Amino acid sequence: MTATRIWQICLISGWLMALAAHGGANVVLASTGASTDDQRWRDVKYNLYAATYRASYTYDQAQVVASYEERAGTFVVRVAAANLKPNFAYQIKLMAPLGAACDERLGSVGRYWREEWDYDYGAGAWAWINGWNLNDKGDGFSPSTNDSSYLSQKGLTRSWSPTGLRYRFSMYLLLGYMVTDGNGNATADVRMDSSYHVLWREDQRTRVAADGPVVSHTFTPSAASPAYDADGTEKTAAVFGEWERLPSGGLRLLDGDYDVELALTEESFHEDGTYVGFWPKVMAGRVLFSSGTPPTFTSHPESRLARSGDSVQFSAALADGARRATTVGWRKDGTAIAGQASLDLDLGTVGVADAANYVCVATNDFGETLSQAAVLLVRDDLRTEAEYTQAVDDRDAQISTLQGQVNSMFTAGEVDAAIAVARPDRDGDGYTDQQEADRGTDPDLYTVLVTPGWNLISLARVPEDNTVATIFGAALRGMVGEVWQWNAATLRYETVETLEPQRGHWVFWDGEARAIEIHLPEHPDRGGDGGAQELE
C-alpha cells in the first residue's frame, strides 16, 4: 500500500469520525470515470490548467465524504472534499436512477433530463440520443411548464424502442454548490429547501432575490501549484445558483422513500472556448433516506363543563394522506392513558377526579404532534335538567303573575316612578341616581368584577348590546375564549354569543381581577309594551 493511499484512508477515516457527530448516515463518493473530453479544465475564473495537470489528474485522486439525513421534513447533507480541482465550482445534486420509484417525486421539485430513441447516424444505429433538459421553468411554482411537458410526453410511444416509448427521462435536483480552495478542498452544508437551475458568476448574470446565496472565492493562480503553469493575478469569483423552483428556501421533498445518488457535477458556466466542459457528473455515491413530516391535526378536542355522572367524550382528527403509519394515544395532565389508541376518547360517566387537561398524541416516523388541550371541569353542585327546568318554569310563572298584577294596577308612568323611588341605584354600584348626578357619573353604567378562575355572571337587565363580544370586548381578548350557559334541552353547558338577563353564565378568566363596564339602555321599556319610557 502506497503512502498516498494510506494518507487517503486516514483522511477519510478522520472525516467520517467528524461527520458522525453531525448525525445521519455517511457515504463516500467515488469517481464516475467521466470522460476527460466532457470535463472542464479551466478554474472558476476561466484560467486554463497546466497541460501536465490536464494529462495527469483524475477524480480517483479525490476524496469526498458526506453525512446526510432527513431532518424536520427535509434532506440535509454535509459534504467534505479534498483534492478536487482547485478553485473550481461544483454542483451538489440528488440524481434518480432510470426508472427509480422516486424519480417523479424528485423531478417535481427539480429538473427533467430527456433522451429520445432515435437513429444515431454517427454510430449507425438506433440509440437513446438528443439528451437535453426540459427548459421552461415558467413562474417557478409547481406544477411548472416543465412538469406539464413531462406529463404530456412520458407516455408517447415508439414501438421499436427498448421500452416501447419515444422518450426516457432522468430526474435530478440541484440543491447546493461549493467552490474549492487552491488545494481542491471544500466543505458545504446543504439543506433541501431550494432548487436551482444552474450556477453563474456575478460577472455573467445579475443575481435576483429568488436566486441562491453567493459563494465568494478569492485566489491567486500560482506556479507552485501543479494545476498552473505560471503565477497569475488575484481574482475573485462570486458564484450563485439560479432558481429553478419557487419559493426559494421554502421547498421540501415530497413524502416517500428515496434511493438516489448524491453526486458532484462540474459547473461549466455556459462559457465558450476550449476546455470549458459540459457539466459531467464526476463523483457519486448511493444514499437512502425517507422524507416526511409529523402528523397534523385538522380538528382538536373541545373543552367541556360537566356535572358528576355526565357521560363525556373527546375526539380529534388528523390530515389525510399520511404516508407513514401513525399511532395515536391520549394523555391526562401529561400522563399517558393506558389502552387508548384511537382518535376518540370515551371517559364514560365522570366524577370530580376526572377533571383534567386531555391531549391527543399522534406519532409517526418523523415526529410527535400534540393536539390542543381540552379542559374538563366537573362540578358536583350543578343542578339536574329537571331541577333547572322547574326553576325556570317557576320564575316565568312568578314574572307573568307579577306583570299581570302590575299592568292591571298601575300606568306605565306610575310604574316608572315607583321603580325610580324603590330602586334609585339603577346600575347597582352603591350610589343613588341622584348621587351619581351630583358626581357627574352615569347611572346607566355598572361594572362586573371578574377574578382568576371561573366566574358566575348574571345580568339583572339587558344591556344596550348584550353580545359577548360587546360586553367583554378587548378586556377579555386572549383571556377567555367562550361564555357558557346551561342548555336544558341538551343537558349540557354550551357556548353562547349573547348574555340573557336573569340567567347564569360561566366565564373562565385567565388574567388578573378586572372590572368590566356594562352599559344599560337609557330608556328601558318599563311598561312591557315595546315602547321606550323615560323615567319620571
Protein backbone atom coordinates (compact mmCIF):
# COMPACT_ATOMS: atom_id res chain seq x y z
CA MET A 1 0.00 0.00 0.00
CA THR A 2 1.44 3.35 -1.03
CA ALA A 3 1.98 6.25 1.34
CA THR A 4 -0.53 8.27 -0.67
CA ARG A 5 -3.17 5.58 -0.28
CA ILE A 6 -2.52 5.34 3.47
CA TRP A 7 -2.89 9.13 3.70
CA GLN A 8 -6.19 8.97 1.80
CA ILE A 9 -7.57 6.25 4.11
CA CYS A 10 -6.55 8.21 7.22
CA LEU A 11 -8.11 11.38 5.81
CA ILE A 12 -11.40 9.66 5.01
CA SER A 13 -11.48 7.95 8.40
CA GLY A 14 -10.94 11.28 10.12
CA TRP A 15 -13.73 12.88 8.15
CA LEU A 16 -16.12 10.02 8.89
CA MET A 17 -15.44 10.39 12.61
CA ALA A 18 -16.09 14.14 12.41
CA LEU A 19 -19.21 13.71 10.30
CA ALA A 20 -20.60 11.11 12.68
CA ALA A 21 -21.10 13.91 15.19
CA HIS A 22 -23.21 15.65 12.56
CA GLY A 23 -25.72 12.79 12.69
CA GLY A 24 -27.28 10.69 9.95
CA ALA A 25 -25.64 8.23 7.57
CA ASN A 26 -22.30 8.58 5.83
CA VAL A 27 -21.36 7.93 2.22
CA VAL A 28 -18.03 8.04 0.39
CA LEU A 29 -18.36 9.38 -3.14
CA ALA A 30 -16.40 7.60 -5.85
CA SER A 31 -15.21 8.70 -9.27
CA THR A 32 -17.73 8.06 -12.05
CA GLY A 33 -14.99 7.80 -14.68
CA ALA A 34 -16.40 10.76 -16.59
CA SER A 35 -14.77 11.38 -19.95
CA THR A 36 -11.94 13.90 -19.79
CA ASP A 37 -13.29 15.37 -23.03
CA ASP A 38 -16.50 16.36 -21.21
CA GLN A 39 -14.68 17.76 -18.20
CA ARG A 40 -13.83 21.39 -17.62
CA TRP A 41 -10.11 22.19 -17.48
CA ARG A 42 -10.41 25.83 -16.50
CA ASP A 43 -10.91 27.17 -13.00
CA VAL A 44 -13.85 29.21 -11.82
CA LYS A 45 -12.39 32.38 -13.42
CA TYR A 46 -11.59 30.74 -16.77
CA ASN A 47 -7.84 30.27 -16.08
CA LEU A 48 -6.59 27.27 -18.07
CA TYR A 49 -4.99 24.48 -16.06
CA ALA A 50 -1.45 23.35 -16.95
CA ALA A 51 -1.09 20.73 -19.68
CA THR A 52 0.66 18.35 -17.28
CA TYR A 53 -2.23 18.69 -14.82
CA ARG A 54 -4.78 18.09 -17.56
CA ALA A 55 -2.93 14.95 -18.56
CA SER A 56 -2.42 13.55 -15.07
CA TYR A 57 -5.42 14.49 -12.90
CA THR A 58 -8.27 12.03 -12.40
CA TYR A 59 -11.07 12.03 -9.88
CA ASP A 60 -9.72 8.79 -8.45
CA GLN A 61 -7.28 11.11 -6.67
CA ALA A 62 -10.09 12.99 -4.88
CA GLN A 63 -11.68 12.17 -1.54
CA VAL A 64 -15.28 13.19 -0.90
CA VAL A 65 -17.39 12.06 2.04
CA ALA A 66 -20.85 13.20 3.10
CA SER A 67 -23.12 12.86 6.09
CA TYR A 68 -26.83 13.05 5.32
CA GLU A 69 -30.19 12.63 6.98
CA GLU A 70 -33.84 13.57 6.74
CA ARG A 71 -34.48 16.16 9.43
CA ALA A 72 -37.57 18.26 10.21
CA GLY A 73 -39.23 17.26 6.96
CA THR A 74 -36.30 17.87 4.62
CA PHE A 75 -32.99 16.40 3.42
CA VAL A 76 -29.79 17.83 4.87
CA VAL A 77 -26.21 16.94 3.92
CA ARG A 78 -22.70 17.99 4.90
CA VAL A 79 -20.05 17.43 2.22
CA ALA A 80 -16.30 17.41 2.87
CA ALA A 81 -13.94 17.15 -0.09
CA ALA A 82 -10.19 17.08 -0.71
CA ASN A 83 -8.07 17.08 -3.86
CA LEU A 84 -10.82 18.06 -6.26
CA LYS A 85 -9.87 20.51 -8.99
CA PRO A 86 -8.55 23.71 -7.39
CA ASN A 87 -10.50 27.00 -7.42
CA PHE A 88 -13.39 25.17 -9.03
CA ALA A 89 -17.20 25.24 -8.76
CA TYR A 90 -19.22 22.06 -8.21
CA GLN A 91 -22.93 21.41 -8.21
CA ILE A 92 -24.29 19.17 -5.44
CA LYS A 93 -27.14 17.04 -6.74
CA LEU A 94 -29.55 14.25 -5.93
CA MET A 95 -29.99 12.09 -9.04
CA ALA A 96 -32.57 9.35 -9.51
CA PRO A 97 -31.51 6.25 -11.47
CA LEU A 98 -33.56 5.48 -14.58
CA GLY A 99 -36.90 4.03 -13.60
CA ALA A 100 -36.43 4.64 -9.87
CA ALA A 101 -39.62 4.64 -7.84
CA CYS A 102 -38.82 8.11 -6.56
CA ASP A 103 -37.94 9.69 -9.92
CA GLU A 104 -41.17 11.65 -10.41
CA ARG A 105 -41.08 12.93 -6.83
CA LEU A 106 -37.53 14.14 -7.36
CA GLY A 107 -38.37 15.69 -10.74
CA SER A 108 -41.37 17.53 -9.31
CA VAL A 109 -39.02 19.66 -7.20
CA GLY A 110 -36.03 19.51 -9.57
CA ARG A 111 -35.39 19.04 -13.29
CA TYR A 112 -36.08 16.54 -16.09
CA TRP A 113 -33.39 15.24 -18.46
CA ARG A 114 -34.97 13.85 -21.63
CA GLU A 115 -33.46 11.45 -24.20
CA GLU A 116 -35.14 10.24 -27.40
CA TRP A 117 -34.96 6.83 -29.05
CA ASP A 118 -33.75 7.85 -32.49
CA TYR A 119 -31.32 6.87 -35.19
CA ASP A 120 -27.74 7.88 -34.41
CA TYR A 121 -26.18 8.48 -37.83
CA GLY A 122 -22.74 8.84 -36.30
CA ALA A 123 -22.91 5.40 -34.74
CA GLY A 124 -25.05 3.92 -37.49
CA ALA A 125 -27.58 2.52 -35.03
CA TRP A 126 -30.69 3.34 -33.03
CA ALA A 127 -29.89 4.70 -29.60
CA TRP A 128 -31.03 6.97 -26.81
CA ILE A 129 -29.73 10.32 -28.05
CA ASN A 130 -30.60 14.03 -28.21
CA GLY A 131 -30.30 14.34 -24.45
CA TRP A 132 -31.26 17.71 -23.01
CA ASN A 133 -33.13 19.26 -20.11
CA LEU A 134 -36.73 20.38 -20.24
CA ASN A 135 -36.00 24.07 -20.04
CA ASP A 136 -39.18 26.06 -19.47
CA LYS A 137 -39.46 26.60 -15.72
CA GLY A 138 -42.32 29.12 -16.11
CA ASP A 139 -43.02 31.14 -12.99
CA GLY A 140 -41.26 28.53 -10.84
CA PHE A 141 -44.29 27.36 -8.91
CA SER A 142 -45.47 23.77 -9.24
CA PRO A 143 -46.82 22.46 -11.46
CA SER A 144 -44.41 24.24 -13.80
CA THR A 145 -44.36 24.22 -17.59
CA ASN A 146 -41.67 21.55 -17.39
CA ASP A 147 -43.96 19.39 -15.25
CA SER A 148 -46.73 19.71 -17.86
CA SER A 149 -44.32 18.86 -20.69
CA TYR A 150 -43.07 15.79 -18.86
CA LEU A 151 -46.58 14.54 -18.12
CA SER A 152 -47.65 15.00 -21.74
CA GLN A 153 -44.54 13.32 -23.19
CA LYS A 154 -43.75 10.45 -20.84
CA GLY A 155 -46.37 8.16 -22.36
CA LEU A 156 -45.64 8.81 -26.06
CA THR A 157 -44.94 5.50 -27.77
CA ARG A 158 -42.26 4.31 -30.16
CA SER A 159 -42.87 0.62 -30.56
CA TRP A 160 -39.36 -0.31 -31.66
CA SER A 161 -37.60 1.29 -28.68
CA PRO A 162 -36.41 -0.96 -25.82
CA THR A 163 -39.15 0.46 -23.60
CA GLY A 164 -41.85 0.91 -26.24
CA LEU A 165 -41.68 4.65 -25.51
CA ARG A 166 -40.33 7.53 -27.54
CA TYR A 167 -38.60 9.25 -24.62
CA ARG A 168 -36.90 8.28 -21.43
CA PHE A 169 -36.43 10.70 -18.56
CA SER A 170 -33.88 11.07 -15.78
CA MET A 171 -34.70 13.32 -12.84
CA TYR A 172 -32.33 15.27 -10.66
CA LEU A 173 -32.30 18.03 -8.10
CA LEU A 174 -29.56 20.65 -7.90
CA LEU A 175 -29.82 21.51 -4.22
CA GLY A 176 -26.48 23.15 -3.44
CA TYR A 177 -22.99 24.09 -4.60
CA MET A 178 -19.46 24.77 -3.41
CA VAL A 179 -16.17 26.28 -4.59
CA THR A 180 -12.87 24.60 -3.75
CA ASP A 181 -9.76 26.35 -2.46
CA GLY A 182 -6.32 26.34 -4.06
CA ASN A 183 -5.74 22.72 -2.96
CA GLY A 184 -9.08 21.46 -4.22
CA ASN A 185 -10.57 21.24 -0.71
CA ALA A 186 -14.07 22.37 0.29
CA THR A 187 -16.89 21.78 2.74
CA ALA A 188 -20.56 22.57 2.27
CA ASP A 189 -23.67 22.31 4.45
CA VAL A 190 -26.74 21.95 2.26
CA ARG A 191 -30.41 21.85 3.19
CA MET A 192 -33.02 20.81 0.65
CA ASP A 193 -35.19 23.89 0.78
CA SER A 194 -34.26 25.31 -2.63
CA SER A 195 -33.98 24.02 -6.20
CA TYR A 196 -31.51 25.51 -8.67
CA HIS A 197 -31.31 25.60 -12.46
CA VAL A 198 -27.57 26.10 -12.91
CA LEU A 199 -24.67 28.13 -11.45
CA TRP A 200 -23.47 31.54 -12.59
CA ARG A 201 -20.85 34.08 -11.66
CA GLU A 202 -21.98 37.59 -10.83
CA ASP A 203 -19.88 38.93 -13.70
CA GLN A 204 -22.02 36.80 -16.06
CA ARG A 205 -25.54 37.33 -14.77
CA THR A 206 -27.33 39.66 -12.36
CA ARG A 207 -28.47 37.83 -9.25
CA VAL A 208 -32.14 38.24 -8.22
CA ALA A 209 -33.70 37.80 -4.80
CA ALA A 210 -35.02 34.29 -5.53
CA ASP A 211 -31.55 33.02 -6.52
CA GLY A 212 -29.29 31.15 -4.14
CA PRO A 213 -26.69 32.70 -1.83
CA VAL A 214 -23.40 33.96 -3.21
CA VAL A 215 -20.30 31.87 -2.56
CA SER A 216 -17.35 34.23 -2.94
CA HIS A 217 -13.84 32.90 -3.50
CA THR A 218 -10.65 34.98 -3.88
CA PHE A 219 -7.48 33.31 -5.12
CA THR A 220 -4.24 33.85 -7.00
CA PRO A 221 -3.07 31.21 -9.52
CA SER A 222 0.40 30.04 -8.53
CA ALA A 223 3.10 28.18 -10.44
CA ALA A 224 3.81 26.37 -7.18
CA SER A 225 0.54 24.51 -7.72
CA PRO A 226 0.62 21.55 -10.13
CA ALA A 227 -2.58 22.94 -11.68
CA TYR A 228 -0.98 26.13 -13.08
CA ASP A 229 1.95 26.83 -15.41
CA ALA A 230 2.61 30.33 -14.11
CA ASP A 231 1.73 32.85 -11.44
CA GLY A 232 -1.37 34.94 -12.05
CA THR A 233 -3.12 37.94 -10.59
CA GLU A 234 -5.56 37.87 -7.72
CA LYS A 235 -9.11 37.13 -8.79
CA THR A 236 -12.48 36.89 -7.03
CA ALA A 237 -15.31 34.67 -8.18
CA ALA A 238 -18.80 35.24 -6.78
CA VAL A 239 -20.90 32.17 -7.61
CA PHE A 240 -24.64 31.73 -7.07
CA GLY A 241 -27.41 29.34 -8.09
CA GLU A 242 -30.16 30.44 -10.47
CA TRP A 243 -33.57 29.43 -9.10
CA GLU A 244 -35.45 26.56 -10.74
CA ARG A 245 -38.38 26.14 -8.35
CA LEU A 246 -40.08 28.60 -6.03
CA PRO A 247 -40.33 29.58 -3.30
CA SER A 248 -36.59 29.51 -2.69
CA GLY A 249 -35.92 28.49 0.89
CA GLY A 250 -39.45 27.11 1.21
CA LEU A 251 -39.31 23.86 -0.76
CA ARG A 252 -39.24 20.31 0.56
CA LEU A 253 -39.10 16.84 -0.91
CA LEU A 254 -42.39 15.04 -1.34
CA ASP A 255 -43.04 12.33 1.22
CA GLY A 256 -41.59 8.97 0.31
CA ASP A 257 -38.56 6.69 0.31
CA TYR A 258 -35.57 7.79 -1.74
CA ASP A 259 -32.85 5.56 -3.24
CA VAL A 260 -30.73 8.01 -5.23
CA GLU A 261 -27.22 9.20 -5.93
CA LEU A 262 -25.58 12.10 -4.17
CA ALA A 263 -23.41 13.49 -6.94
CA LEU A 264 -20.90 16.22 -7.72
CA THR A 265 -21.22 17.76 -11.18
CA GLU A 266 -18.71 20.16 -12.66
CA GLU A 267 -20.08 23.63 -13.38
CA SER A 268 -19.31 24.77 -16.94
CA PHE A 269 -20.84 28.27 -16.67
CA HIS A 270 -22.20 28.22 -20.26
CA GLU A 271 -18.83 29.53 -21.42
CA ASP A 272 -17.43 29.36 -24.94
CA GLY A 273 -13.98 28.21 -25.95
CA THR A 274 -11.84 25.16 -25.37
CA TYR A 275 -11.72 23.06 -22.23
CA VAL A 276 -14.93 24.63 -20.84
CA GLY A 277 -16.63 21.28 -20.24
CA PHE A 278 -20.23 20.10 -20.39
CA TRP A 279 -21.45 19.56 -16.82
CA PRO A 280 -20.16 15.99 -16.32
CA LYS A 281 -21.12 14.01 -13.24
CA VAL A 282 -17.69 13.25 -11.79
CA MET A 283 -18.28 11.75 -8.32
CA ALA A 284 -21.27 9.97 -6.83
CA GLY A 285 -22.42 7.72 -4.01
CA ARG A 286 -25.68 5.99 -3.15
CA VAL A 287 -27.87 7.50 -0.45
CA LEU A 288 -31.06 6.06 1.01
CA PHE A 289 -33.44 8.07 3.16
CA SER A 290 -37.09 8.85 3.73
CA SER A 291 -38.84 12.19 3.68
CA GLY A 292 -41.93 13.08 5.63
CA THR A 293 -43.45 15.22 8.33
CA PRO A 294 -45.05 14.57 11.72
CA PRO A 295 -48.83 14.13 11.81
CA THR A 296 -51.07 17.19 11.51
CA PHE A 297 -54.32 17.66 13.42
CA THR A 298 -57.23 19.12 11.47
CA SER A 299 -59.54 19.26 14.50
CA HIS A 300 -58.86 19.25 18.22
CA PRO A 301 -60.76 18.01 21.28
CA GLU A 302 -63.08 20.64 22.78
CA SER A 303 -63.22 21.67 26.43
CA ARG A 304 -66.24 20.58 28.49
CA LEU A 305 -68.03 21.69 31.64
CA ALA A 306 -69.86 18.69 33.09
CA ARG A 307 -71.56 17.62 36.28
CA SER A 308 -70.80 14.40 38.11
CA GLY A 309 -72.47 11.50 36.37
CA ASP A 310 -72.41 13.03 32.90
CA SER A 311 -71.03 10.99 30.01
CA VAL A 312 -68.04 12.72 28.37
CA GLN A 313 -66.25 12.01 25.08
CA PHE A 314 -63.41 13.79 23.33
CA SER A 315 -62.39 13.44 19.69
CA ALA A 316 -59.73 14.71 17.27
CA ALA A 317 -58.98 14.32 13.56
CA LEU A 318 -55.76 14.03 11.52
CA ALA A 319 -54.99 15.21 8.00
CA ASP A 320 -55.49 12.57 5.32
CA GLY A 321 -52.72 11.18 3.18
CA ALA A 322 -50.15 10.47 5.88
CA ARG A 323 -47.51 8.26 4.24
CA ARG A 324 -46.15 6.75 7.40
CA ALA A 325 -48.15 4.63 9.83
CA THR A 326 -49.41 6.80 12.69
CA THR A 327 -50.02 5.72 16.26
CA VAL A 328 -52.44 7.61 18.47
CA GLY A 329 -52.82 7.97 22.22
CA TRP A 330 -54.21 10.29 24.89
CA ARG A 331 -52.69 11.98 27.91
CA LYS A 332 -54.37 13.19 31.09
CA ASP A 333 -52.44 16.05 32.68
CA GLY A 334 -49.35 14.85 30.78
CA THR A 335 -49.64 11.16 31.74
CA ALA A 336 -50.48 8.58 29.09
CA ILE A 337 -53.90 6.94 29.43
CA ALA A 338 -53.50 3.18 29.06
CA GLY A 339 -55.45 1.36 26.37
CA GLN A 340 -56.40 4.45 24.35
CA ALA A 341 -55.23 4.11 20.75
CA SER A 342 -57.85 5.89 18.65
CA LEU A 343 -58.79 9.47 17.87
CA ASP A 344 -61.89 9.14 20.07
CA LEU A 345 -61.63 9.11 23.85
CA ASP A 346 -64.68 7.92 25.82
CA LEU A 347 -64.40 8.68 29.54
CA GLY A 348 -67.82 7.25 30.30
CA THR A 349 -69.55 8.81 33.32
CA VAL A 350 -67.24 11.28 35.01
CA GLY A 351 -66.64 12.49 38.53
CA VAL A 352 -64.63 15.26 40.11
CA ALA A 353 -61.48 13.11 39.88
CA ASP A 354 -61.73 13.13 36.07
CA ALA A 355 -61.32 16.91 35.86
CA ALA A 356 -58.03 17.47 33.98
CA ASN A 357 -56.38 18.58 30.74
CA TYR A 358 -56.75 15.99 27.97
CA VAL A 359 -54.42 15.90 24.93
CA CYS A 360 -54.39 13.63 21.89
CA VAL A 361 -50.92 12.48 20.79
CA ALA A 362 -50.15 11.35 17.21
CA THR A 363 -46.75 9.86 16.30
CA ASN A 364 -45.11 8.63 13.09
CA ASP A 365 -41.54 8.03 11.90
CA PHE A 366 -40.95 11.76 11.60
CA GLY A 367 -42.07 13.01 14.95
CA GLU A 368 -44.79 13.52 17.51
CA THR A 369 -47.63 16.05 17.40
CA LEU A 370 -49.85 17.10 20.30
CA SER A 371 -53.37 18.36 19.84
CA GLN A 372 -54.61 21.43 21.63
CA ALA A 373 -55.53 20.61 25.23
CA ALA A 374 -59.19 20.09 26.13
CA VAL A 375 -60.09 21.15 29.67
CA LEU A 376 -62.67 19.05 31.51
CA LEU A 377 -64.30 20.76 34.51
CA VAL A 378 -66.57 18.63 36.69
CA ARG A 379 -68.95 20.10 39.31
CA ASP A 380 -70.95 18.28 41.96
CA ASP A 381 -73.22 21.25 42.70
CA LEU A 382 -74.70 21.78 39.24
CA ARG A 383 -78.46 21.34 39.00
CA THR A 384 -80.01 18.49 37.07
CA GLU A 385 -82.07 19.17 33.98
CA ALA A 386 -85.34 18.64 35.88
CA GLU A 387 -84.28 20.97 38.67
CA TYR A 388 -83.22 23.65 36.27
CA THR A 389 -86.34 23.35 34.14
CA GLN A 390 -88.59 23.57 37.20
CA ALA A 391 -86.72 26.63 38.46
CA VAL A 392 -87.13 28.35 35.09
CA ASP A 393 -90.83 27.48 34.96
CA ASP A 394 -91.39 28.79 38.49
CA ARG A 395 -89.57 32.01 37.69
CA ASP A 396 -91.52 32.55 34.48
CA ALA A 397 -94.81 31.93 36.28
CA GLN A 398 -93.93 34.41 39.00
CA ILE A 399 -92.90 37.04 36.47
CA SER A 400 -96.09 36.53 34.50
CA THR A 401 -98.24 36.83 37.61
CA LEU A 402 -96.49 39.94 38.85
CA GLN A 403 -96.53 41.53 35.42
CA GLY A 404 -100.27 40.97 35.16
CA GLN A 405 -100.83 42.44 38.58
CA VAL A 406 -98.71 45.49 37.80
CA ASN A 407 -100.38 46.09 34.43
CA SER A 408 -103.81 45.96 36.00
CA MET A 409 -102.94 48.26 38.89
CA PHE A 410 -100.67 50.99 37.53
CA THR A 411 -99.95 53.01 34.45
CA ALA A 412 -96.55 52.85 32.81
CA GLY A 413 -95.70 56.27 34.23
CA GLU A 414 -96.66 55.18 37.73
CA VAL A 415 -94.52 52.05 37.38
CA ASP A 416 -91.52 54.09 36.28
CA ALA A 417 -91.99 56.50 39.16
CA ALA A 418 -92.28 53.63 41.63
CA ILE A 419 -89.17 51.97 40.29
CA ALA A 420 -87.26 55.22 40.47
CA VAL A 421 -88.23 55.54 44.13
CA ALA A 422 -87.79 51.88 45.08
CA ARG A 423 -84.54 51.37 43.20
CA PRO A 424 -82.83 54.71 42.84
CA ASP A 425 -79.47 52.98 42.24
CA ARG A 426 -80.22 51.67 38.76
CA ASP A 427 -76.75 50.37 37.94
CA GLY A 428 -76.16 48.77 41.36
CA ASP A 429 -72.85 50.49 42.05
CA GLY A 430 -73.81 51.66 45.57
CA TYR A 431 -74.60 55.24 44.58
CA THR A 432 -78.16 56.50 44.08
CA ASP A 433 -79.09 58.07 40.78
CA GLN A 434 -79.16 61.48 42.47
CA GLN A 435 -75.70 60.92 43.94
CA GLU A 436 -74.40 59.92 40.52
CA ALA A 437 -75.95 63.03 39.01
CA ASP A 438 -74.20 65.12 41.66
CA ARG A 439 -70.91 63.32 40.99
CA GLY A 440 -71.27 63.54 37.22
CA THR A 441 -71.23 59.75 36.71
CA ASP A 442 -73.55 57.61 34.59
CA PRO A 443 -76.49 55.90 36.42
CA ASP A 444 -76.91 53.58 33.42
CA LEU A 445 -73.39 52.15 33.72
CA TYR A 446 -72.38 49.40 36.11
CA THR A 447 -69.44 47.07 36.43
CA VAL A 448 -68.91 43.34 36.84
CA LEU A 449 -65.77 42.16 38.59
CA VAL A 450 -64.09 39.10 37.10
CA THR A 451 -61.42 37.30 39.12
CA PRO A 452 -58.99 34.50 38.17
CA GLY A 453 -60.83 31.21 37.63
CA TRP A 454 -64.47 30.54 36.90
CA ASN A 455 -66.94 33.41 37.38
CA LEU A 456 -70.72 33.09 37.52
CA ILE A 457 -72.27 36.21 35.94
CA SER A 458 -75.96 37.11 35.88
CA LEU A 459 -77.38 40.33 34.45
CA ALA A 460 -80.39 41.97 36.11
CA ARG A 461 -81.26 43.93 32.99
CA VAL A 462 -80.49 43.65 29.29
CA PRO A 463 -77.56 45.89 28.33
CA GLU A 464 -77.63 48.17 25.30
CA ASP A 465 -75.83 45.41 23.41
CA ASN A 466 -75.93 42.02 25.09
CA THR A 467 -73.44 40.24 22.80
CA VAL A 468 -70.43 38.62 24.45
CA ALA A 469 -68.09 40.49 22.11
CA THR A 470 -69.50 43.89 23.09
CA ILE A 471 -69.89 43.28 26.84
CA PHE A 472 -66.39 41.95 27.31
CA GLY A 473 -64.72 43.36 24.21
CA ALA A 474 -60.97 43.81 24.29
CA ALA A 475 -60.88 43.31 28.07
CA LEU A 476 -61.13 39.55 27.73
CA ARG A 477 -59.35 39.17 24.39
CA GLY A 478 -56.79 36.45 24.82
CA MET A 479 -58.02 35.76 28.38
CA VAL A 480 -61.21 33.80 27.72
CA GLY A 481 -62.39 32.05 24.65
CA GLU A 482 -66.03 31.35 25.45
CA VAL A 483 -69.01 32.05 27.70
CA TRP A 484 -71.03 29.03 28.81
CA GLN A 485 -74.74 28.66 29.66
CA TRP A 486 -76.73 25.59 30.68
CA ASN A 487 -78.96 24.17 27.94
CA ALA A 488 -81.85 22.31 29.48
CA ALA A 489 -82.67 20.58 26.20
CA THR A 490 -79.24 19.03 25.66
CA LEU A 491 -78.35 18.60 29.34
CA ARG A 492 -75.01 20.27 28.93
CA TYR A 493 -73.29 23.61 29.14
CA GLU A 494 -72.90 25.24 25.74
CA THR A 495 -71.21 28.36 24.46
CA VAL A 496 -73.38 31.41 23.77
CA GLU A 497 -72.98 34.61 21.79
CA THR A 498 -75.33 36.76 23.92
CA LEU A 499 -76.00 37.16 27.66
CA GLU A 500 -79.63 36.93 28.73
CA PRO A 501 -80.95 38.71 31.85
CA GLN A 502 -81.56 36.63 34.96
CA ARG A 503 -79.62 33.66 33.53
CA GLY A 504 -76.40 32.26 34.90
CA HIS A 505 -73.34 32.46 32.64
CA TRP A 506 -69.94 30.92 33.35
CA VAL A 507 -66.80 32.76 32.27
CA PHE A 508 -63.25 31.45 32.83
CA TRP A 509 -60.86 34.35 33.43
CA ASP A 510 -57.13 33.73 32.95
CA GLY A 511 -55.84 37.14 33.97
CA GLU A 512 -55.76 39.46 36.94
CA ALA A 513 -59.00 40.68 38.53
CA ARG A 514 -60.66 43.33 36.36
CA ALA A 515 -63.87 45.37 36.35
CA ILE A 516 -65.92 45.10 33.15
CA GLU A 517 -68.15 48.07 32.35
CA ILE A 518 -71.69 47.25 31.17
CA HIS A 519 -73.96 49.91 29.70
CA LEU A 520 -77.72 49.79 30.38
CA PRO A 521 -80.21 51.27 27.92
CA GLU A 522 -81.08 54.82 28.82
CA HIS A 523 -84.80 54.34 28.05
CA PRO A 524 -85.88 50.83 29.18
CA ASP A 525 -89.32 49.57 28.31
CA ARG A 526 -90.92 49.69 31.74
CA GLY A 527 -94.45 49.02 30.56
CA GLY A 528 -93.65 45.86 28.69
CA ASP A 529 -95.40 47.14 25.57
CA GLY A 530 -92.30 47.51 23.44
CA GLY A 531 -92.18 51.30 23.77
CA ALA A 532 -89.38 53.22 25.43
CA GLN A 533 -90.37 55.12 28.56
CA GLU A 534 -88.34 57.85 30.21
CA LEU A 535 -88.04 57.86 33.99
CA GLU A 536 -90.27 60.46 35.62
